[in-house]
Amino acid sequence: YLNANGTPVDPVVAFSSIRFVRVSLQGVSVSLF
Protein backbone atom coordinates (compact mmCIF):
# COMPACT_ATOMS: atom_id res chain seq x y z
CA TYR A 1 0.00 0.00 0.00
CA LEU A 2 1.56 3.28 -1.15
CA ASN A 3 1.11 6.92 -0.19
CA ALA A 4 0.81 9.80 -2.68
CA ASN A 5 4.60 9.82 -3.21
CA GLY A 6 4.68 6.10 -4.03
CA THR A 7 6.36 5.16 -0.76
CA PRO A 8 5.13 1.97 0.92
CA VAL A 9 3.21 2.58 4.14
CA ASP A 10 1.88 0.31 6.87
CA PRO A 11 -1.83 -0.03 6.07
CA VAL A 12 -2.80 -0.45 9.72
CA VAL A 13 -0.90 2.61 11.01
CA ALA A 14 -1.36 4.98 8.05
CA PHE A 15 -4.65 3.81 6.53
CA SER A 16 -5.82 7.31 5.60
CA SER A 17 -2.62 8.05 3.64
CA ILE A 18 -3.01 5.10 1.23
CA ARG A 19 -3.40 6.35 -2.35
CA PHE A 20 -2.13 3.42 -4.46
CA VAL A 21 -1.91 -0.36 -4.27
CA ARG A 22 0.93 -2.34 -5.86
CA VAL A 23 0.74 -6.11 -6.35
CA SER A 24 3.83 -7.99 -7.47
CA LEU A 25 4.58 -11.64 -8.13
CA GLN A 26 8.07 -12.97 -7.38
CA GLY A 27 9.68 -16.38 -7.26
CA VAL A 28 7.79 -18.03 -10.11
CA SER A 29 9.89 -20.22 -12.42
CA VAL A 30 9.06 -22.71 -15.15
CA SER A 31 11.42 -25.28 -16.70
CA LEU A 32 12.11 -25.09 -20.43
CA PHE A 33 11.43 -27.90 -22.91
ModelCIF file with pLDDT and N, C-alpha, C, O atoms, coordinates in Angstrom:
data_MODEL
#
_entry.id   MODEL 
#
_entity.id                         1 
_entity.type                       polymer 
_entity.pdbx_number_of_molecules   1 
#
_entity_poly.entity_id                      1 
_entity_poly.type                           'polypeptide(L)' 
_entity_poly.nstd_linkage                   no 
_entity_poly.nstd_monomer                   no 
_entity_poly.pdbx_seq_one_letter_code       YLNANGTPVDPVVAFSSIRFVRVSLQGVSVSLF 
_entity_poly.pdbx_seq_one_letter_code_can   YLNANGTPVDPVVAFSSIRFVRVSLQGVSVSLF 
_entity_poly.pdbx_strand_id                 A 
#
loop_
_entity_poly_seq.entity_id 
_entity_poly_seq.num 
_entity_poly_seq.mon_id 
_entity_poly_seq.hetero 
1 1  TYR n 
1 2  LEU n 
1 3  ASN n 
1 4  ALA n 
1 5  ASN n 
1 6  GLY n 
1 7  THR n 
1 8  PRO n 
1 9  VAL n 
1 10 ASP n 
1 11 PRO n 
1 12 VAL n 
1 13 VAL n 
1 14 ALA n 
1 15 PHE n 
1 16 SER n 
1 17 SER n 
1 18 ILE n 
1 19 ARG n 
1 20 PHE n 
1 21 VAL n 
1 22 ARG n 
1 23 VAL n 
1 24 SER n 
1 25 LEU n 
1 26 GLN n 
1 27 GLY n 
1 28 VAL n 
1 29 SER n 
1 30 VAL n 
1 31 SER n 
1 32 LEU n 
1 33 PHE n 
#
_struct_asym.id          A 
_struct_asym.entity_id   1 
#
loop_
_ma_qa_metric.id 
_ma_qa_metric.mode 
_ma_qa_metric.name 
_ma_qa_metric.software_group_id 
_ma_qa_metric.type 
1 global pLDDT . pLDDT 
2 local  pLDDT . pLDDT 
#
_ma_qa_metric_global.metric_id      1 
_ma_qa_metric_global.metric_value   91.03 
_ma_qa_metric_global.model_id       1 
_ma_qa_metric_global.ordinal_id     1 
#
loop_
_ma_qa_metric_local.label_asym_id 
_ma_qa_metric_local.label_comp_id 
_ma_qa_metric_local.label_seq_id 
_ma_qa_metric_local.metric_id 
_ma_qa_metric_local.metric_value 
_ma_qa_metric_local.model_id 
_ma_qa_metric_local.ordinal_id 
A TYR 1  2 95.00 1 1  
A LEU 2  2 95.00 1 2  
A ASN 3  2 94.00 1 3  
A ALA 4  2 93.00 1 4  
A ASN 5  2 94.00 1 5  
A GLY 6  2 91.00 1 6  
A THR 7  2 93.00 1 7  
A PRO 8  2 95.00 1 8  
A VAL 9  2 94.00 1 9  
A ASP 10 2 93.00 1 10 
A PRO 11 2 90.00 1 11 
A VAL 12 2 89.00 1 12 
A VAL 13 2 90.00 1 13 
A ALA 14 2 89.00 1 14 
A PHE 15 2 89.00 1 15 
A SER 16 2 89.00 1 16 
A SER 17 2 92.00 1 17 
A ILE 18 2 93.00 1 18 
A ARG 19 2 94.00 1 19 
A PHE 20 2 95.00 1 20 
A VAL 21 2 96.00 1 21 
A ARG 22 2 96.00 1 22 
A VAL 23 2 96.00 1 23 
A SER 24 2 95.00 1 24 
A LEU 25 2 93.00 1 25 
A GLN 26 2 91.00 1 26 
A GLY 27 2 88.00 1 27 
A VAL 28 2 89.00 1 28 
A SER 29 2 87.00 1 29 
A VAL 30 2 84.00 1 30 
A SER 31 2 83.00 1 31 
A LEU 32 2 81.00 1 32 
A PHE 33 2 78.00 1 33 
#
loop_
_atom_site.group_PDB 
_atom_site.id 
_atom_site.type_symbol 
_atom_site.label_atom_id 
_atom_site.label_alt_id 
_atom_site.label_comp_id 
_atom_site.label_asym_id 
_atom_site.label_entity_id 
_atom_site.label_seq_id 
_atom_site.pdbx_PDB_ins_code 
_atom_site.Cartn_x 
_atom_site.Cartn_y 
_atom_site.Cartn_z 
_atom_site.occupancy 
_atom_site.B_iso_or_equiv 
_atom_site.pdbx_formal_charge 
_atom_site.auth_seq_id 
_atom_site.auth_comp_id 
_atom_site.auth_asym_id 
_atom_site.auth_atom_id 
_atom_site.pdbx_PDB_model_num 
ATOM 1   N N  . TYR A 1 1  ? 0.868  -1.172  0.000   1.00 95.00 ? 1  TYR A N  1 
ATOM 2   C CA . TYR A 1 1  ? 0.000  0.000   0.000   1.00 95.00 ? 1  TYR A CA 1 
ATOM 3   C C  . TYR A 1 1  ? 0.905  1.222   0.000   1.00 95.00 ? 1  TYR A C  1 
ATOM 4   O O  . TYR A 1 1  ? 1.809  1.331   0.828   1.00 95.00 ? 1  TYR A O  1 
ATOM 5   N N  . LEU A 1 2  ? 0.661  2.146   -0.934  1.00 95.00 ? 2  LEU A N  1 
ATOM 6   C CA . LEU A 1 2  ? 1.560  3.278   -1.154  1.00 95.00 ? 2  LEU A CA 1 
ATOM 7   C C  . LEU A 1 2  ? 0.858  4.593   -0.847  1.00 95.00 ? 2  LEU A C  1 
ATOM 8   O O  . LEU A 1 2  ? -0.356 4.721   -1.003  1.00 95.00 ? 2  LEU A O  1 
ATOM 9   N N  . ASN A 1 3  ? 1.659  5.583   -0.400  1.00 94.00 ? 3  ASN A N  1 
ATOM 10  C CA . ASN A 1 3  ? 1.112  6.920   -0.186  1.00 94.00 ? 3  ASN A CA 1 
ATOM 11  C C  . ASN A 1 3  ? 1.161  7.701   -1.498  1.00 94.00 ? 3  ASN A C  1 
ATOM 12  O O  . ASN A 1 3  ? 1.477  7.131   -2.542  1.00 94.00 ? 3  ASN A O  1 
ATOM 13  N N  . ALA A 1 4  ? 0.858  8.980   -1.459  1.00 93.00 ? 4  ALA A N  1 
ATOM 14  C CA . ALA A 1 4  ? 0.808  9.797   -2.675  1.00 93.00 ? 4  ALA A CA 1 
ATOM 15  C C  . ALA A 1 4  ? 2.160  9.902   -3.363  1.00 93.00 ? 4  ALA A C  1 
ATOM 16  O O  . ALA A 1 4  ? 2.209  10.119  -4.574  1.00 93.00 ? 4  ALA A O  1 
ATOM 17  N N  . ASN A 1 5  ? 3.265  9.754   -2.625  1.00 94.00 ? 5  ASN A N  1 
ATOM 18  C CA . ASN A 1 5  ? 4.604  9.818   -3.209  1.00 94.00 ? 5  ASN A CA 1 
ATOM 19  C C  . ASN A 1 5  ? 5.067  8.480   -3.766  1.00 94.00 ? 5  ASN A C  1 
ATOM 20  O O  . ASN A 1 5  ? 6.136  8.405   -4.373  1.00 94.00 ? 5  ASN A O  1 
ATOM 21  N N  . GLY A 1 6  ? 4.288  7.423   -3.573  1.00 91.00 ? 6  GLY A N  1 
ATOM 22  C CA . GLY A 1 6  ? 4.676  6.095   -4.033  1.00 91.00 ? 6  GLY A CA 1 
ATOM 23  C C  . GLY A 1 6  ? 5.520  5.331   -3.043  1.00 91.00 ? 6  GLY A C  1 
ATOM 24  O O  . GLY A 1 6  ? 6.105  4.303   -3.387  1.00 91.00 ? 6  GLY A O  1 
ATOM 25  N N  . THR A 1 7  ? 5.593  5.821   -1.813  1.00 93.00 ? 7  THR A N  1 
ATOM 26  C CA . THR A 1 7  ? 6.360  5.164   -0.764  1.00 93.00 ? 7  THR A CA 1 
ATOM 27  C C  . THR A 1 7  ? 5.467  4.160   -0.037  1.00 93.00 ? 7  THR A C  1 
ATOM 28  O O  . THR A 1 7  ? 4.338  4.493   0.320   1.00 93.00 ? 7  THR A O  1 
ATOM 29  N N  . PRO A 1 8  ? 5.948  2.946   0.186   1.00 95.00 ? 8  PRO A N  1 
ATOM 30  C CA . PRO A 1 8  ? 5.130  1.969   0.917   1.00 95.00 ? 8  PRO A CA 1 
ATOM 31  C C  . PRO A 1 8  ? 4.853  2.430   2.348   1.00 95.00 ? 8  PRO A C  1 
ATOM 32  O O  . PRO A 1 8  ? 5.732  2.955   3.031   1.00 95.00 ? 8  PRO A O  1 
ATOM 33  N N  . VAL A 1 9  ? 3.613  2.220   2.782   1.00 94.00 ? 9  VAL A N  1 
ATOM 34  C CA . VAL A 1 9  ? 3.215  2.576   4.144   1.00 94.00 ? 9  VAL A CA 1 
ATOM 35  C C  . VAL A 1 9  ? 2.570  1.363   4.798   1.00 94.00 ? 9  VAL A C  1 
ATOM 36  O O  . VAL A 1 9  ? 2.101  0.448   4.121   1.00 94.00 ? 9  VAL A O  1 
ATOM 37  N N  . ASP A 1 10 ? 2.556  1.371   6.125   1.00 93.00 ? 10 ASP A N  1 
ATOM 38  C CA . ASP A 1 10 ? 1.882  0.313   6.872   1.00 93.00 ? 10 ASP A CA 1 
ATOM 39  C C  . ASP A 1 10 ? 0.379  0.600   6.805   1.00 93.00 ? 10 ASP A C  1 
ATOM 40  O O  . ASP A 1 10 ? -0.065 1.651   7.266   1.00 93.00 ? 10 ASP A O  1 
ATOM 41  N N  . PRO A 1 11 ? -0.406 -0.316  6.237   1.00 90.00 ? 11 PRO A N  1 
ATOM 42  C CA . PRO A 1 11 ? -1.828 -0.028  6.071   1.00 90.00 ? 11 PRO A CA 1 
ATOM 43  C C  . PRO A 1 11 ? -2.604 0.068   7.379   1.00 90.00 ? 11 PRO A C  1 
ATOM 44  O O  . PRO A 1 11 ? -3.668 0.685   7.412   1.00 90.00 ? 11 PRO A O  1 
ATOM 45  N N  . VAL A 1 12 ? -2.105 -0.518  8.441   1.00 89.00 ? 12 VAL A N  1 
ATOM 46  C CA . VAL A 1 12 ? -2.801 -0.447  9.724   1.00 89.00 ? 12 VAL A CA 1 
ATOM 47  C C  . VAL A 1 12 ? -2.532 0.897   10.393  1.00 89.00 ? 12 VAL A C  1 
ATOM 48  O O  . VAL A 1 12 ? -3.447 1.508   10.945  1.00 89.00 ? 12 VAL A O  1 
ATOM 49  N N  . VAL A 1 13 ? -1.287 1.360   10.349  1.00 90.00 ? 13 VAL A N  1 
ATOM 50  C CA . VAL A 1 13 ? -0.896 2.610   11.013  1.00 90.00 ? 13 VAL A CA 1 
ATOM 51  C C  . VAL A 1 13 ? -1.325 3.831   10.208  1.00 90.00 ? 13 VAL A C  1 
ATOM 52  O O  . VAL A 1 13 ? -1.848 4.791   10.774  1.00 90.00 ? 13 VAL A O  1 
ATOM 53  N N  . ALA A 1 14 ? -1.110 3.803   8.894   1.00 89.00 ? 14 ALA A N  1 
ATOM 54  C CA . ALA A 1 14 ? -1.358 4.982   8.051   1.00 89.00 ? 14 ALA A CA 1 
ATOM 55  C C  . ALA A 1 14 ? -2.436 4.693   7.017   1.00 89.00 ? 14 ALA A C  1 
ATOM 56  O O  . ALA A 1 14 ? -2.231 4.926   5.826   1.00 89.00 ? 14 ALA A O  1 
ATOM 57  N N  . PHE A 1 15 ? -3.586 4.186   7.464   1.00 89.00 ? 15 PHE A N  1 
ATOM 58  C CA . PHE A 1 15 ? -4.649 3.809   6.531   1.00 89.00 ? 15 PHE A CA 1 
ATOM 59  C C  . PHE A 1 15 ? -5.129 4.993   5.703   1.00 89.00 ? 15 PHE A C  1 
ATOM 60  O O  . PHE A 1 15 ? -5.374 4.846   4.505   1.00 89.00 ? 15 PHE A O  1 
ATOM 61  N N  . SER A 1 16 ? -5.267 6.149   6.311   1.00 89.00 ? 16 SER A N  1 
ATOM 62  C CA . SER A 1 16 ? -5.816 7.309   5.600   1.00 89.00 ? 16 SER A CA 1 
ATOM 63  C C  . SER A 1 16 ? -4.851 7.880   4.561   1.00 89.00 ? 16 SER A C  1 
ATOM 64  O O  . SER A 1 16 ? -5.273 8.657   3.704   1.00 89.00 ? 16 SER A O  1 
ATOM 65  N N  . SER A 1 17 ? -3.570 7.516   4.615   1.00 92.00 ? 17 SER A N  1 
ATOM 66  C CA . SER A 1 17 ? -2.618 8.053   3.638   1.00 92.00 ? 17 SER A CA 1 
ATOM 67  C C  . SER A 1 17 ? -2.443 7.140   2.421   1.00 92.00 ? 17 SER A C  1 
ATOM 68  O O  . SER A 1 17 ? -1.662 7.465   1.527   1.00 92.00 ? 17 SER A O  1 
ATOM 69  N N  . ILE A 1 18 ? -3.141 6.023   2.365   1.00 93.00 ? 18 ILE A N  1 
ATOM 70  C CA . ILE A 1 18 ? -3.014 5.098   1.231   1.00 93.00 ? 18 ILE A CA 1 
ATOM 71  C C  . ILE A 1 18 ? -3.666 5.715   -0.006  1.00 93.00 ? 18 ILE A C  1 
ATOM 72  O O  . ILE A 1 18 ? -4.838 6.093   0.021   1.00 93.00 ? 18 ILE A O  1 
ATOM 73  N N  . ARG A 1 19 ? -2.894 5.813   -1.087  1.00 94.00 ? 19 ARG A N  1 
ATOM 74  C CA . ARG A 1 19 ? -3.404 6.348   -2.354  1.00 94.00 ? 19 ARG A CA 1 
ATOM 75  C C  . ARG A 1 19 ? -3.290 5.343   -3.497  1.00 94.00 ? 19 ARG A C  1 
ATOM 76  O O  . ARG A 1 19 ? -4.050 5.419   -4.463  1.00 94.00 ? 19 ARG A O  1 
ATOM 77  N N  . PHE A 1 20 ? -2.355 4.408   -3.399  1.00 95.00 ? 20 PHE A N  1 
ATOM 78  C CA . PHE A 1 20 ? -2.132 3.419   -4.458  1.00 95.00 ? 20 PHE A CA 1 
ATOM 79  C C  . PHE A 1 20 ? -1.927 2.038   -3.839  1.00 95.00 ? 20 PHE A C  1 
ATOM 80  O O  . PHE A 1 20 ? -1.580 1.902   -2.666  1.00 95.00 ? 20 PHE A O  1 
ATOM 81  N N  . VAL A 1 21 ? -2.153 1.021   -4.670  1.00 96.00 ? 21 VAL A N  1 
ATOM 82  C CA . VAL A 1 21 ? -1.914 -0.356  -4.271  1.00 96.00 ? 21 VAL A CA 1 
ATOM 83  C C  . VAL A 1 21 ? -1.044 -0.994  -5.351  1.00 96.00 ? 21 VAL A C  1 
ATOM 84  O O  . VAL A 1 21 ? -1.340 -0.900  -6.542  1.00 96.00 ? 21 VAL A O  1 
ATOM 85  N N  . ARG A 1 22 ? 0.041  -1.650  -4.910  1.00 96.00 ? 22 ARG A N  1 
ATOM 86  C CA . ARG A 1 22 ? 0.929  -2.345  -5.855  1.00 96.00 ? 22 ARG A CA 1 
ATOM 87  C C  . ARG A 1 22 ? 0.945  -3.829  -5.504  1.00 96.00 ? 22 ARG A C  1 
ATOM 88  O O  . ARG A 1 22 ? 1.184  -4.209  -4.358  1.00 96.00 ? 22 ARG A O  1 
ATOM 89  N N  . VAL A 1 23 ? 0.687  -4.657  -6.511  1.00 96.00 ? 23 VAL A N  1 
ATOM 90  C CA . VAL A 1 23 ? 0.744  -6.105  -6.347  1.00 96.00 ? 23 VAL A CA 1 
ATOM 91  C C  . VAL A 1 23 ? 1.853  -6.620  -7.249  1.00 96.00 ? 23 VAL A C  1 
ATOM 92  O O  . VAL A 1 23 ? 1.899  -6.304  -8.437  1.00 96.00 ? 23 VAL A O  1 
ATOM 93  N N  . SER A 1 24 ? 2.744  -7.414  -6.676  1.00 95.00 ? 24 SER A N  1 
ATOM 94  C CA . SER A 1 24 ? 3.828  -7.992  -7.467  1.00 95.00 ? 24 SER A CA 1 
ATOM 95  C C  . SER A 1 24 ? 3.881  -9.498  -7.221  1.00 95.00 ? 24 SER A C  1 
ATOM 96  O O  . SER A 1 24 ? 3.419  -10.003 -6.199  1.00 95.00 ? 24 SER A O  1 
ATOM 97  N N  . LEU A 1 25 ? 4.457  -10.187 -8.189  1.00 93.00 ? 25 LEU A N  1 
ATOM 98  C CA . LEU A 1 25 ? 4.583  -11.639 -8.135  1.00 93.00 ? 25 LEU A CA 1 
ATOM 99  C C  . LEU A 1 25 ? 6.044  -11.980 -8.329  1.00 93.00 ? 25 LEU A C  1 
ATOM 100 O O  . LEU A 1 25 ? 6.634  -11.647 -9.357  1.00 93.00 ? 25 LEU A O  1 
ATOM 101 N N  . GLN A 1 26 ? 6.639  -12.651 -7.331  1.00 91.00 ? 26 GLN A N  1 
ATOM 102 C CA . GLN A 1 26 ? 8.069  -12.971 -7.383  1.00 91.00 ? 26 GLN A CA 1 
ATOM 103 C C  . GLN A 1 26 ? 8.274  -14.431 -7.031  1.00 91.00 ? 26 GLN A C  1 
ATOM 104 O O  . GLN A 1 26 ? 7.506  -15.015 -6.267  1.00 91.00 ? 26 GLN A O  1 
ATOM 105 N N  . GLY A 1 27 ? 9.322  -15.015 -7.598  1.00 88.00 ? 27 GLY A N  1 
ATOM 106 C CA . GLY A 1 27 ? 9.683  -16.377 -7.256  1.00 88.00 ? 27 GLY A CA 1 
ATOM 107 C C  . GLY A 1 27 ? 9.051  -17.446 -8.121  1.00 88.00 ? 27 GLY A C  1 
ATOM 108 O O  . GLY A 1 27 ? 9.144  -18.630 -7.797  1.00 88.00 ? 27 GLY A O  1 
ATOM 109 N N  . VAL A 1 28 ? 8.407  -17.061 -9.217  1.00 89.00 ? 28 VAL A N  1 
ATOM 110 C CA . VAL A 1 28 ? 7.793  -18.035 -10.105 1.00 89.00 ? 28 VAL A CA 1 
ATOM 111 C C  . VAL A 1 28 ? 8.822  -18.447 -11.150 1.00 89.00 ? 28 VAL A C  1 
ATOM 112 O O  . VAL A 1 28 ? 9.471  -17.589 -11.748 1.00 89.00 ? 28 VAL A O  1 
ATOM 113 N N  . SER A 1 29 ? 8.978  -19.748 -11.377 1.00 87.00 ? 29 SER A N  1 
ATOM 114 C CA . SER A 1 29 ? 9.891  -20.220 -12.421 1.00 87.00 ? 29 SER A CA 1 
ATOM 115 C C  . SER A 1 29 ? 9.310  -21.466 -13.073 1.00 87.00 ? 29 SER A C  1 
ATOM 116 O O  . SER A 1 29 ? 8.653  -22.281 -12.425 1.00 87.00 ? 29 SER A O  1 
ATOM 117 N N  . VAL A 1 30 ? 9.569  -21.592 -14.368 1.00 84.00 ? 30 VAL A N  1 
ATOM 118 C CA . VAL A 1 30 ? 9.057  -22.710 -15.153 1.00 84.00 ? 30 VAL A CA 1 
ATOM 119 C C  . VAL A 1 30 ? 10.215 -23.295 -15.943 1.00 84.00 ? 30 VAL A C  1 
ATOM 120 O O  . VAL A 1 30 ? 10.988 -22.551 -16.546 1.00 84.00 ? 30 VAL A O  1 
ATOM 121 N N  . SER A 1 31 ? 10.346 -24.617 -15.950 1.00 83.00 ? 31 SER A N  1 
ATOM 122 C CA . SER A 1 31 ? 11.415 -25.280 -16.696 1.00 83.00 ? 31 SER A CA 1 
ATOM 123 C C  . SER A 1 31 ? 11.139 -25.204 -18.193 1.00 83.00 ? 31 SER A C  1 
ATOM 124 O O  . SER A 1 31 ? 9.988  -25.207 -18.629 1.00 83.00 ? 31 SER A O  1 
ATOM 125 N N  . LEU A 1 32 ? 12.223 -25.135 -18.973 1.00 81.00 ? 32 LEU A N  1 
ATOM 126 C CA . LEU A 1 32 ? 12.114 -25.085 -20.428 1.00 81.00 ? 32 LEU A CA 1 
ATOM 127 C C  . LEU A 1 32 ? 12.071 -26.491 -21.010 1.00 81.00 ? 32 LEU A C  1 
ATOM 128 O O  . LEU A 1 32 ? 12.518 -27.445 -20.372 1.00 81.00 ? 32 LEU A O  1 
ATOM 129 N N  . PHE A 1 33 ? 11.536 -26.621 -22.217 1.00 78.00 ? 33 PHE A N  1 
ATOM 130 C CA . PHE A 1 33 ? 11.432 -27.901 -22.908 1.00 78.00 ? 33 PHE A CA 1 
ATOM 131 C C  . PHE A 1 33 ? 12.513 -28.116 -23.964 1.00 78.00 ? 33 PHE A C  1 
ATOM 132 O O  . PHE A 1 33 ? 12.537 -29.158 -24.619 1.00 78.00 ? 33 PHE A O  1 
#
